[in-house]
Amino acid sequence: MFTAAQGGSIDLTNLTRAFATLLRKAGLRRIRFHDLRHSTATLLLEQGAELVVIKELLGHAHIGVTATVYAHVRLRLQRQAIDTLGDALGLTDNDPDDPPAAAVVR
């Protein structure tokens, strides 16, 4: 919740303008204020937060919405988990030319 200096609701145009100014001063590329929400959820997923917790934080009515929107992150995490398991089982030779999640068959 954001409020104006007087305590009332902030005008969306003013919020967008202030955010764009902050990005410019920080030397960052222009993004939508809403993109911060997506970035937060992605970072939480990558740090191991449960999908149901992220669903609740975002206010999604159904976990399927959260799962669908962040499926790309979950797939990347699954590939990393498979690679980690392959390393633990000695199935990979750490060749950078191997595709992700590949097991070397000898």
C-alpha atoms as a PDB file:
ATOM      1  CA  MET A   1       0.000   0.000   0.000  1.00  0.00           C
ATOM      2  CA  PHE A   2       1.383   3.353  -0.985  1.00  0.00           C
ATOM      3  CA  THR A   3       0.066   6.674   0.210  1.00  0.00           C
ATOM      4  CA  ALA A   4       0.691  10.257  -0.787  1.00  0.00           C
ATOM      5  CA  ALA A   5       2.494  12.611   1.603  1.00  0.00           C
ATOM      6  CA  GLN A   6      -0.856  13.746   2.997  1.00  0.00           C
ATOM      7  CA  GLY A   7      -1.939  10.160   3.717  1.00  0.00           C
ATOM      8  CA  GLY A   8      -4.397   9.745   0.871  1.00  0.00           C
ATOM      9  CA  SER A   9      -4.101   7.263  -1.953  1.00  0.00           C
ATOM     10  CA  ILE A  10      -1.257   7.862  -4.386  1.00  0.00           C
ATOM     11  CA  ASP A  11      -1.990   8.568  -8.004  1.00  0.00           C
ATOM     12  CA  LEU A  12      -0.753   5.695 -10.187  1.00  0.00           C
ATOM     13  CA  THR A  13       0.772   8.132 -12.671  1.00  0.00           C
ATOM     14  CA  ASN A  14       2.842   9.739  -9.915  1.00  0.00           C
ATOM     15  CA  LEU A  15       4.013   6.333  -8.660  1.00  0.00           C
ATOM     16  CA  THR A  16       5.027   5.295 -12.170  1.00  0.00           C
ATOM     17  CA  ARG A  17       6.862   8.587 -12.727  1.00  0.00           C
ATOM     18  CA  ALA A  18       8.710   8.371  -9.393  1.00  0.00           C
ATOM     19  CA  PHE A  19       9.683   4.751 -10.063  1.00  0.00           C
ATOM     20  CA  ALA A  20      11.002   5.621 -13.550  1.00  0.00           C
ATOM     21  CA  THR A  21      13.062   8.451 -12.018  1.00  0.00           C
ATOM     22  CA  LEU A  22      14.584   6.074  -9.445  1.00  0.00           C
ATOM     23  CA  LEU A  23      15.479   3.556 -12.153  1.00  0.00           C
ATOM     24  CA  ARG A  24      17.095   6.252 -14.310  1.00  0.00           C
ATOM     25  CA  LYS A  25      19.131   7.643 -11.392  1.00  0.00           C
ATOM     26  CA  ALA A  26      20.299   4.141 -10.510  1.00  0.00           C
ATOM     27  CA  GLY A  27      21.346   3.510 -14.107  1.00  0.00           C
ATOM     28  CA  LEU A  28      18.899   0.627 -14.480  1.00  0.00           C
ATOM     29  CA  ARG A  29      16.791  -0.216 -17.496  1.00  0.00           C
ATOM     30  CA  ARG A  30      13.159   0.808 -17.486  1.00  0.00           C
ATOM     31  CA  ILE A  31      10.751  -1.817 -16.159  1.00  0.00           C
ATOM     32  CA  ARG A  32       7.147  -1.681 -15.022  1.00  0.00           C
ATOM     33  CA  PHE A  33       6.504  -1.310 -11.297  1.00  0.00           C
ATOM     34  CA  HIS A  34       4.478  -4.539 -11.550  1.00  0.00           C
ATOM     35  CA  ASP A  35       7.649  -6.370 -12.690  1.00  0.00           C
ATOM     36  CA  LEU A  36       8.943  -6.104  -9.111  1.00  0.00           C
ATOM     37  CA  ARG A  37       6.157  -8.457  -8.060  1.00  0.00           C
ATOM     38  CA  HIS A  38       7.210 -11.048 -10.644  1.00  0.00           C
ATOM     39  CA  SER A  39      10.886 -10.690  -9.701  1.00  0.00           C
ATOM     40  CA  THR A  40      10.068 -11.191  -6.023  1.00  0.00           C
ATOM     41  CA  ALA A  41       8.103 -14.360  -6.709  1.00  0.00           C
ATOM     42  CA  THR A  42      10.856 -15.710  -8.983  1.00  0.00           C
ATOM     43  CA  LEU A  43      13.554 -15.051  -6.376  1.00  0.00           C
ATOM     44  CA  LEU A  44      11.448 -16.693  -3.659  1.00  0.00           C
ATOM     45  CA  LEU A  45      10.962 -19.786  -5.809  1.00  0.00           C
ATOM     46  CA  GLU A  46      14.681 -19.971  -6.581  1.00  0.00           C
ATOM     47  CA  GLN A  47      15.452 -19.769  -2.860  1.00  0.00           C
ATOM     48  CA  GLY A  48      13.178 -22.719  -2.124  1.00  0.00           C
ATOM     49  CA  ALA A  49      10.005 -21.000  -0.935  1.00  0.00           C
ATOM     50  CA  GLU A  50       6.938 -23.206  -1.235  1.00  0.00           C
ATOM     51  CA  LEU A  51       4.633 -22.463  -4.159  1.00  0.00           C
ATOM     52  CA  VAL A  52       1.639 -22.247  -1.807  1.00  0.00           C
ATOM     53  CA  VAL A  53       3.388 -19.513   0.216  1.00  0.00           C
ATOM     54  CA  ILE A  54       4.130 -17.533  -2.946  1.00  0.00           C
ATOM     55  CA  LYS A  55       0.488 -17.994  -4.035  1.00  0.00           C
ATOM     56  CA  GLU A  56      -0.660 -16.476  -0.766  1.00  0.00           C
ATOM     57  CA  LEU A  57       1.792 -13.565  -0.948  1.00  0.00           C
ATOM     58  CA  LEU A  58       0.696 -12.733  -4.482  1.00  0.00           C
ATOM     59  CA  GLY A  59      -2.975 -13.078  -3.623  1.00  0.00           C
ATOM     60  CA  HIS A  60      -3.722 -15.632  -6.326  1.00  0.00           C
ATOM     61  CA  ALA A  61      -7.067 -17.378  -5.763  1.00  0.00           C
ATOM     62  CA  HIS A  62      -5.790 -20.731  -7.038  1.00  0.00           C
ATOM     63  CA  ILE A  63      -2.342 -22.317  -6.881  1.00  0.00           C
ATOM     64  CA  GLY A  64      -2.739 -23.325 -10.533  1.00  0.00           C
ATOM     65  CA  VAL A  65      -2.408 -19.672 -11.521  1.00  0.00           C
ATOM     66  CA  THR A  66       0.863 -19.362  -9.612  1.00  0.00           C
ATOM     67  CA  ALA A  67       2.153 -22.677 -10.979  1.00  0.00           C
ATOM     68  CA  THR A  68       1.344 -21.666 -14.546  1.00  0.00           C
ATOM     69  CA  VAL A  69       2.861 -18.189 -14.356  1.00  0.00           C
ATOM     70  CA  TYR A  70       6.087 -19.466 -12.760  1.00  0.00           C
ATOM     71  CA  ALA A  71       6.375 -22.793 -14.625  1.00  0.00           C
ATOM     72  CA  HIS A  72       9.524 -21.593 -16.431  1.00  0.00           C
ATOM     73  CA  VAL A  73      11.273 -21.087 -13.085  1.00  0.00           C
ATOM     74  CA  ARG A  74      10.164 -24.473 -11.803  1.00  0.00           C
ATOM     75  CA  LEU A  75      11.456 -26.184 -14.965  1.00  0.00           C
ATOM     76  CA  ARG A  76      14.876 -24.533 -14.549  1.00  0.00           C
ATOM     77  CA  LEU A  77      14.992 -25.615 -10.899  1.00  0.00           C
ATOM     78  CA  GLN A  78      14.042 -29.160 -11.908  1.00  0.00           C
ATOM     79  CA  ARG A  79      16.868 -29.263 -14.455  1.00  0.00           C
ATOM     80  CA  GLN A  80      19.307 -28.056 -11.808  1.00  0.00           C
ATOM     81  CA  ALA A  81      18.070 -30.743  -9.413  1.00  0.00           C
ATOM     82  CA  ILE A  82      18.560 -33.432 -12.071  1.00  0.00           C
ATOM     83  CA  ASP A  83      22.080 -32.161 -12.770  1.00  0.00           C
ATOM     84  CA  THR A  84      22.847 -32.205  -9.042  1.00  0.00           C
ATOM     85  CA  LEU A  85      21.587 -35.780  -8.757  1.00  0.00           C
ATOM     86  CA  GLY A  86      23.647 -36.792 -11.776  1.00  0.00           C
ATOM     87  CA  ASP A  87      26.752 -35.284 -10.178  1.00  0.00           C
ATOM     88  CA  ALA A  88      26.053 -37.090  -6.908  1.00  0.00           C
ATOM     89  CA  LEU A  89      25.690 -40.394  -8.744  1.00  0.00           C
ATOM     90  CA  GLY A  90      28.805 -39.771 -10.841  1.00  0.00           C
ATOM     91  CA  LEU A  91      26.805 -39.852 -14.062  1.00  0.00           C
ATOM     92  CA  THR A  92      28.175 -36.641 -15.530  1.00  0.00           C
ATOM     93  CA  ASP A  93      31.697 -35.737 -16.517  1.00  0.00           C
ATOM     94  CA  ASN A  94      31.135 -31.960 -16.193  1.00  0.00           C
ATOM     95  CA  ASP A  95      31.820 -31.415 -19.899  1.00  0.00           C
ATOM     96  CA  PRO A  96      30.599 -27.869 -20.677  1.00  0.00           C
ATOM     97  CA  ASP A  97      29.514 -29.075 -24.139  1.00  0.00           C
ATOM     98  CA  ASP A  98      27.011 -31.547 -22.632  1.00  0.00           C
ATOM     99  CA  PRO A  99      23.422 -30.322 -22.663  1.00  0.00           C
ATOM    100  CA  PRO A 100      21.854 -29.591 -19.263  1.00  0.00           C
ATOM    101  CA  ALA A 101      20.560 -32.631 -17.361  1.00  0.00           C
ATOM    102  CA  ALA A 102      22.506 -35.019 -19.606  1.00  0.00           C
ATOM    103  CA  ALA A 103      23.897 -38.252 -18.260  1.00  0.00           C
ATOM    104  CA  VAL A 104      27.033 -39.561 -19.910  1.00  0.00           C
ATOM    105  CA  VAL A 105      26.588 -43.182 -20.988  1.00  0.00           C
ATOM    106  CA  ARG A 106      29.779 -45.161 -21.285  1.00  0.00           C
END
